[in-house]
Protein backbone atom coordinates (compact mmCIF):
# COMPACT_ATOMS: atom_id res chain seq x y z
CA UNK A 1 -48.43 -45.63 108.48
CA UNK A 2 -45.50 -47.69 107.73
CA UNK A 3 -42.42 -46.26 109.82
CA UNK A 4 -40.04 -48.59 107.73
CA UNK A 5 -41.31 -47.34 104.24
CA UNK A 6 -41.31 -43.69 105.72
CA UNK A 7 -37.32 -43.83 107.24
CA UNK A 8 -36.40 -46.07 103.64
CA UNK A 9 -38.20 -42.58 101.82
CA UNK A 10 -36.23 -40.48 103.67
CA UNK A 11 -32.93 -42.06 102.54
CA UNK A 12 -33.86 -42.55 98.97
CA UNK A 13 -35.06 -38.86 98.86
CA UNK A 14 -31.26 -37.72 100.57
CA UNK A 15 -29.93 -40.58 97.61
CA UNK A 16 -31.81 -38.03 95.33
CA UNK A 17 -30.40 -34.95 96.20
CA UNK A 18 -27.22 -35.69 96.62
CA UNK A 19 -27.72 -37.53 92.95
CA UNK A 20 -29.21 -34.00 92.09
CA UNK A 21 -26.33 -31.86 93.79
CA UNK A 22 -24.05 -33.91 91.79
CA UNK A 23 -25.09 -33.13 88.30
CA UNK A 24 -24.35 -30.32 85.92
CA UNK A 25 -27.15 -29.14 84.27
CA UNK A 26 -26.93 -30.30 80.59
CA UNK A 27 -27.36 -34.06 82.21
CA UNK A 28 -30.31 -32.98 83.55
CA UNK A 29 -33.61 -34.88 83.64
CA UNK A 30 -37.30 -33.47 83.56
CA UNK A 31 -37.15 -34.25 87.06
CA UNK A 32 -33.58 -32.88 87.84
CA UNK A 33 -35.15 -29.71 85.95
CA UNK A 34 -38.20 -29.27 88.50
CA UNK A 35 -36.12 -29.15 91.36
CA UNK A 36 -34.05 -26.59 89.41
CA UNK A 37 -37.14 -24.85 89.16
CA UNK A 38 -38.11 -25.20 92.69
CA UNK A 39 -34.26 -23.20 93.68
CA UNK A 40 -35.01 -20.62 90.73
CA UNK A 41 -38.47 -19.54 92.38
CA UNK A 42 -37.43 -20.08 95.67
CA UNK A 43 -34.52 -17.44 95.00
CA UNK A 44 -37.38 -15.47 92.98
CA UNK A 45 -39.34 -15.37 96.33
CA UNK A 46 -36.63 -14.82 98.32
CA UNK A 47 -33.44 -13.16 97.54
CA UNK A 48 -31.93 -14.02 100.58
CA UNK A 49 -32.02 -17.93 99.48
CA UNK A 50 -29.62 -17.90 96.81
CA UNK A 51 -28.73 -20.37 94.62
CA UNK A 52 -25.85 -21.37 97.16
CA UNK A 53 -27.44 -21.26 100.79
CA UNK A 54 -30.62 -23.39 99.08
CA UNK A 55 -27.65 -26.00 97.67
CA UNK A 56 -25.67 -25.81 101.13
CA UNK A 57 -28.98 -26.52 103.29
CA UNK A 58 -29.98 -29.23 100.93
CA UNK A 59 -26.53 -30.92 100.92
CA UNK A 60 -26.47 -30.95 105.15
CA UNK A 61 -30.04 -32.62 104.74
CA UNK A 62 -28.61 -35.36 102.36
CA UNK A 63 -25.94 -36.25 104.50
CA UNK A 64 -27.89 -36.53 107.66
CA UNK A 65 -30.95 -38.75 106.36
CA UNK A 66 -28.88 -41.92 105.92
CA UNK A 67 -29.61 -45.29 107.42
CA UNK A 68 -26.96 -44.90 110.26
CA UNK A 69 -27.90 -41.57 111.46
CA UNK A 70 -31.53 -41.93 110.95
CA UNK A 71 -31.84 -44.87 113.25
CA UNK A 72 -28.99 -44.08 115.43
CA UNK A 73 -31.53 -40.55 116.38
CA UNK A 74 -34.82 -43.20 116.41
CA UNK A 75 -33.71 -45.68 118.63
CA UNK A 76 -34.19 -43.06 121.11
CA UNK A 77 -37.93 -42.57 120.78
CA UNK A 78 -41.17 -44.44 120.29
CA UNK A 79 -43.64 -43.66 117.61
CA UNK A 80 -46.74 -42.58 119.46
CA UNK A 81 -49.82 -45.31 119.30
CA UNK A 82 -52.42 -42.61 118.46
CA UNK A 83 -52.32 -40.51 115.24
CA UNK A 84 -52.57 -37.26 116.31
CA UNK A 85 -52.74 -33.67 113.64
CA UNK A 86 -49.68 -31.52 114.67
CA UNK A 87 -49.89 -27.68 113.34
CA UNK A 88 -46.51 -26.24 112.29
CA UNK A 89 -46.37 -22.61 112.12
CA UNK A 90 -42.56 -22.59 109.99
CA UNK A 91 -40.29 -19.70 110.23
CA UNK A 92 -38.33 -18.64 107.22
CA UNK A 93 -35.61 -16.78 108.24
CA UNK A 94 -32.95 -19.73 106.33
CA UNK A 95 -33.40 -22.42 103.81
CA UNK A 96 -35.56 -25.40 104.84
CA UNK A 97 -35.32 -24.38 108.59
CA UNK A 98 -38.75 -26.09 109.01
CA UNK A 99 -38.00 -29.05 107.70
CA UNK A 100 -36.77 -31.19 111.04
CA UNK A 101 -40.07 -30.52 112.55
CA UNK A 102 -41.89 -31.79 109.72
CA UNK A 103 -39.69 -34.77 109.68
CA UNK A 104 -40.29 -35.12 113.70
CA UNK A 105 -44.08 -34.85 113.40
CA UNK A 106 -44.36 -37.66 110.69
CA UNK A 107 -41.89 -40.12 111.99
CA UNK A 108 -43.44 -40.01 115.51
CA UNK A 109 -46.75 -41.43 113.54
CA UNK A 110 -48.54 -38.31 113.31
CA UNK A 111 -49.82 -36.13 110.73
CA UNK A 112 -48.69 -32.17 110.41
CA UNK A 113 -51.09 -29.74 109.33
CA UNK A 114 -48.02 -27.15 108.29
CA UNK A 115 -48.18 -23.49 107.97
CA UNK A 116 -45.42 -23.02 105.42
CA UNK A 117 -43.38 -19.19 106.02
CA UNK A 118 -44.77 -16.93 103.24
CA UNK A 119 -40.37 -16.79 102.50
CA UNK A 120 -40.22 -20.22 101.94
CA UNK A 121 -43.11 -21.58 99.93
CA UNK A 122 -41.34 -23.80 97.56
CA UNK A 123 -38.54 -26.30 98.75
CA UNK A 124 -40.52 -27.98 101.69
CA UNK A 125 -43.48 -28.55 99.73
CA UNK A 126 -41.66 -30.39 96.77
CA UNK A 127 -39.53 -32.38 99.61
CA UNK A 128 -42.35 -33.91 101.06
CA UNK A 129 -44.22 -34.68 97.30
CA UNK A 130 -40.47 -37.15 96.74
CA UNK A 131 -40.95 -38.50 100.19
CA UNK A 132 -43.95 -39.37 99.17
CA UNK A 133 -43.58 -41.17 96.06
CA UNK A 134 -40.04 -42.71 97.56
CA UNK A 135 -42.08 -43.96 100.85
CA UNK A 136 -44.83 -45.79 98.54
CA UNK A 137 -47.14 -43.05 99.77
CA UNK A 138 -46.86 -43.87 103.57
CA UNK A 139 -46.58 -40.42 104.88
CA UNK A 140 -49.60 -38.19 105.18
CA UNK A 141 -49.72 -34.33 105.71
CA UNK A 142 -51.64 -30.72 105.20
CA UNK A 143 -50.96 -27.54 104.58
CA UNK A 144 -52.90 -25.14 105.73
CA UNK A 145 -53.63 -21.10 106.15
CA UNK A 146 -55.28 -21.52 109.23
CA UNK A 147 -54.81 -23.65 112.12
CA UNK A 148 -58.25 -25.71 113.01
CA UNK A 149 -58.73 -29.03 114.58
CA UNK A 150 -55.58 -29.93 115.71
CA UNK A 151 -54.10 -31.90 119.14
CA UNK A 152 -50.78 -29.39 119.54
CA UNK A 153 -48.88 -27.01 118.06
CA UNK A 154 -44.88 -26.13 117.14
CA UNK A 155 -44.70 -22.89 115.88
CA UNK A 156 -41.48 -20.62 115.28
CA UNK A 157 -41.51 -16.87 115.67
CA UNK A 158 -39.86 -13.71 116.98
CA UNK A 159 -40.22 -12.74 120.78
CA UNK A 160 -43.00 -10.30 119.56
CA UNK A 161 -45.07 -12.74 117.30
CA UNK A 162 -44.19 -15.68 120.50
CA UNK A 163 -46.37 -13.50 122.76
CA UNK A 164 -49.45 -13.61 120.93
CA UNK A 165 -48.91 -17.54 119.93
CA UNK A 166 -48.64 -18.46 123.75
CA UNK A 167 -51.73 -16.58 123.93
CA UNK A 168 -53.64 -17.98 120.96
CA UNK A 169 -52.11 -21.46 122.26
CA UNK A 170 -52.56 -21.09 125.90
CA UNK A 171 -55.33 -24.40 125.76
CA UNK A 172 -53.40 -26.65 123.89
CA UNK A 173 -50.21 -28.67 124.19
CA UNK A 174 -47.26 -26.42 122.22
CA UNK A 175 -44.09 -25.81 121.91
CA UNK A 176 -43.40 -21.92 121.03
CA UNK A 177 -39.71 -21.08 119.94
CA UNK A 178 -38.69 -17.56 120.05
CA UNK A 179 -35.49 -14.98 118.94
CA UNK A 180 -32.18 -16.83 119.54
CA UNK A 181 -28.65 -16.01 118.12
CA UNK A 182 -25.56 -17.86 118.97
CA UNK A 183 -21.88 -17.27 120.43
CA UNK A 184 -18.11 -17.58 119.95
CA UNK A 185 -15.18 -17.79 122.48
CA UNK A 186 -11.99 -17.22 120.85
CA UNK A 187 -8.67 -18.07 123.30
CA UNK A 188 -6.39 -16.44 121.74
CA UNK A 189 -4.10 -19.25 120.03
CA UNK A 190 -6.48 -19.99 117.37
CA UNK A 191 -5.12 -20.70 114.26
CA UNK A 192 -5.36 -19.26 111.01
CA UNK A 193 -7.65 -21.97 109.75
CA UNK A 194 -9.79 -22.35 112.98
CA UNK A 195 -10.75 -18.82 112.06
CA UNK A 196 -11.68 -19.26 108.55
CA UNK A 197 -14.27 -21.68 110.01
CA UNK A 198 -15.65 -19.60 112.71
CA UNK A 199 -16.64 -16.78 109.61
CA UNK A 200 -18.19 -19.80 108.13
CA UNK A 201 -20.23 -19.76 111.60
CA UNK A 202 -21.06 -16.21 110.95
CA UNK A 203 -21.70 -15.65 107.73
CA UNK A 204 -23.34 -18.57 105.78
CA UNK A 205 -26.56 -18.03 105.35
CA UNK A 206 -26.04 -14.01 105.18
CA UNK A 207 -25.96 -14.64 108.92
CA UNK A 208 -29.88 -14.81 109.09
CA UNK A 209 -29.72 -18.17 111.38
CA UNK A 210 -30.46 -18.93 115.18
CA UNK A 211 -27.02 -20.89 114.68
CA UNK A 212 -25.08 -17.97 112.74
CA UNK A 213 -22.32 -16.14 115.32
CA UNK A 214 -23.52 -12.44 116.31
CA UNK A 215 -21.40 -12.24 119.64
CA UNK A 216 -17.65 -12.69 120.30
CA UNK A 217 -15.89 -13.25 122.92
CA UNK A 218 -12.14 -12.07 122.96
CA UNK A 219 -8.67 -12.32 124.53
CA UNK A 220 -8.11 -8.12 125.74
CA UNK A 221 -4.87 -8.77 123.80
CA UNK A 222 -6.22 -9.91 121.04
CA UNK A 223 -5.49 -8.48 117.70
CA UNK A 224 -8.81 -7.84 116.09
CA UNK A 225 -7.53 -7.75 112.15
CA UNK A 226 -6.63 -11.62 112.96
CA UNK A 227 -10.29 -11.71 112.37
CA UNK A 228 -10.64 -9.26 109.61
CA UNK A 229 -8.06 -11.48 107.46
CA UNK A 230 -10.06 -14.68 108.10
CA UNK A 231 -13.09 -12.95 106.26
CA UNK A 232 -12.39 -12.52 103.63
CA UNK A 233 -13.41 -15.25 101.87
CA UNK A 234 -17.18 -13.55 102.18
CA UNK A 235 -15.98 -10.28 100.74
CA UNK A 236 -18.11 -11.78 98.17
CA UNK A 237 -21.39 -10.84 100.35
CA UNK A 238 -21.26 -7.06 99.96
CA UNK A 239 -22.46 -8.12 96.06
CA UNK A 240 -25.33 -9.34 97.25
CA UNK A 241 -28.52 -6.01 96.97
CA UNK A 242 -29.86 -6.94 100.58
CA UNK A 243 -26.99 -7.56 102.82
CA UNK A 244 -25.57 -4.45 100.88
CA UNK A 245 -28.63 -2.43 102.27
CA UNK A 246 -27.92 -3.46 105.48
CA UNK A 247 -24.38 -2.74 106.11
CA UNK A 248 -25.02 0.80 104.41
CA UNK A 249 -27.68 1.42 106.84
CA UNK A 250 -26.16 0.29 109.85
CA UNK A 251 -22.64 2.15 108.32
CA UNK A 252 -24.16 4.97 107.98
CA UNK A 253 -26.22 5.15 111.65
CA UNK A 254 -22.84 4.60 113.43
CA UNK A 255 -21.16 7.03 111.46
CA UNK A 256 -23.83 9.69 112.54
CA UNK A 257 -23.82 8.32 115.72
CA UNK A 258 -19.52 9.03 116.24
CA UNK A 259 -19.61 5.13 117.62
CA UNK A 260 -16.39 3.21 117.43
CA UNK A 261 -16.32 0.49 114.93
CA UNK A 262 -14.30 -1.44 112.75
CA UNK A 263 -15.18 -1.94 109.20
CA UNK A 264 -13.50 -3.76 106.13
CA UNK A 265 -16.02 -3.08 103.76
CA UNK A 266 -18.19 -5.82 103.65
CA UNK A 267 -18.89 -6.48 107.79
CA UNK A 268 -18.13 -4.20 110.57
CA UNK A 269 -17.29 -5.35 113.89
CA UNK A 270 -18.26 -3.24 117.46
CA UNK A 271 -16.97 -3.48 120.88
CA UNK A 272 -20.97 -4.26 122.41
CA UNK A 273 -22.08 -5.93 125.01
CA UNK A 274 -25.34 -6.59 123.15
CA UNK A 275 -25.93 -10.36 122.43
CA UNK A 276 -27.73 -9.81 119.48
CA UNK A 277 -26.31 -7.56 116.81
CA UNK A 278 -27.80 -5.87 113.36
CA UNK A 279 -26.99 -7.87 109.96
CA UNK A 280 -23.61 -7.11 108.62
CA UNK A 281 -22.11 -6.39 112.34
CA UNK A 282 -20.66 -8.67 114.60
CA UNK A 283 -20.22 -7.39 118.66
CA UNK A 284 -17.56 -8.53 120.18
CA UNK A 285 -16.29 -8.25 123.92
CA UNK A 286 -12.86 -8.72 125.25
CA UNK A 287 -12.88 -10.48 128.58
CA UNK A 288 -9.93 -10.93 131.20
CA UNK A 289 -10.85 -14.39 132.72
CA UNK A 290 -13.22 -17.44 131.60
CA UNK A 291 -15.64 -17.05 134.15
CA UNK A 292 -16.89 -13.30 132.70
CA UNK A 293 -17.55 -15.61 129.57
CA UNK A 294 -19.22 -18.38 131.61
CA UNK A 295 -21.79 -16.11 133.89
CA UNK A 296 -22.24 -14.29 130.63
CA UNK A 297 -23.55 -17.35 128.59
CA UNK A 298 -25.60 -18.89 131.56
CA UNK A 299 -27.42 -15.13 132.57
CA UNK A 300 -28.28 -15.21 128.47
CA UNK A 301 -29.03 -19.06 128.02
CA UNK A 302 -32.83 -18.69 126.99
CA UNK A 303 -31.33 -16.33 123.86
CA UNK A 304 -28.28 -18.94 122.73
CA UNK A 305 -28.97 -21.73 120.58
CA UNK A 306 -25.38 -22.32 120.45
CA UNK A 307 -21.41 -21.55 121.64
CA UNK A 308 -18.50 -22.29 119.41
CA UNK A 309 -15.58 -22.60 120.82
CA UNK A 310 -12.27 -24.99 121.22
CA UNK A 311 -12.94 -27.79 122.95
CA UNK A 312 -10.36 -27.30 125.41
CA UNK A 313 -12.54 -24.23 127.20
CA UNK A 314 -14.59 -26.99 128.62
CA UNK A 315 -17.71 -25.05 127.38
CA UNK A 316 -20.80 -26.51 125.95
CA UNK A 317 -19.86 -25.52 122.55
CA UNK A 318 -19.40 -26.83 119.05
CA UNK A 319 -15.90 -26.61 117.15
CA UNK A 320 -15.39 -23.42 114.55
CA UNK A 321 -17.28 -23.93 111.06
CA UNK A 322 -20.01 -26.36 112.99
CA UNK A 323 -22.51 -24.30 114.03
CA UNK A 324 -24.76 -24.72 111.16
CA UNK A 325 -24.02 -28.44 110.93
CA UNK A 326 -26.70 -29.49 113.47
CA UNK A 327 -27.59 -33.69 113.89
CA UNK A 328 -31.15 -35.06 113.86
CA UNK A 329 -30.69 -34.77 117.05
CA UNK A 330 -30.08 -31.19 117.90
CA UNK A 331 -33.22 -29.31 118.83
CA UNK A 332 -34.29 -25.28 118.60
CA UNK A 333 -33.76 -24.01 121.26
CA UNK A 334 -32.71 -26.88 122.82
CA UNK A 335 -35.93 -28.87 123.28
CA UNK A 336 -36.39 -31.95 122.51
CA UNK A 337 -39.28 -32.04 119.49
CA UNK A 338 -39.42 -36.10 119.57
CA UNK A 339 -39.73 -36.66 123.43
CA UNK A 340 -43.14 -33.55 123.33
CA UNK A 341 -44.50 -35.41 120.22
CA UNK A 342 -44.13 -38.98 121.91
CA UNK A 343 -46.74 -37.71 125.14
CA UNK A 344 -49.41 -35.94 123.16
């Protein structure tokens, strides 16, 4: 396979996505109508995949797949000299969450055998079809219901699923990913704008991604109302039926248990040490010293995908509003997929 043509195809795909996202419906041509139909089908099959969330994910990818960024990323790796078949068991918690694995396998000179998530069956096949067209058929892939005849596997699932996968693929080269979530650390002097950006890290994709913040660390004297005020731009989430069901259920449980929680009618905050919080709930704890926070992050490193904080806290973190904007060299579970694919 010709990697130059593959890269050029991705660049053309990026331009195609950008052109589609910039058009009004009345200006659509036949290709655009097909793209629009894929978006609608995806939302019908999985109501969490709203048009807005799908288009956000598409824009993120279109912004990443530029010549400069692709060349910079790929310059750190060498394509495999022998082509292997790599099984991909994709997640479906947020739109296009498996796309990074797909392009990584192809650009490493391998053939992906793709088992799509039942929650995300439309967009990846469509983008692959387009990429193949734009690269003059210089990519090869297969969609499968069951993995057979493969050389390595990359699988993403829940912690329970991962135990099964680790056993099932114990005799194969593999990357098996588990549940992760993200945290944010507030210093106390954040501006209103920074807190509004934090709201993006919490609410984008309804909080379903591993890069969504589910746990906050706040100083002892921090006023909770400041956080609630910054969330107001996302108040419409409560109009989404599935999100509202989660909110109503969790609120009822807290009331029945007489738990202490803060509520603004579309999200709740609960003082809780747990890293993972139920959908529609944000756990928080107050800290007196940053060492407490650093110790928690270190102890839970295997469960944390990213940390959101101001740079002057000297944590290994991303800025407010950047949690859902990972680069091409940002890998799920912090395992370098491309290095793995170099040596299989």
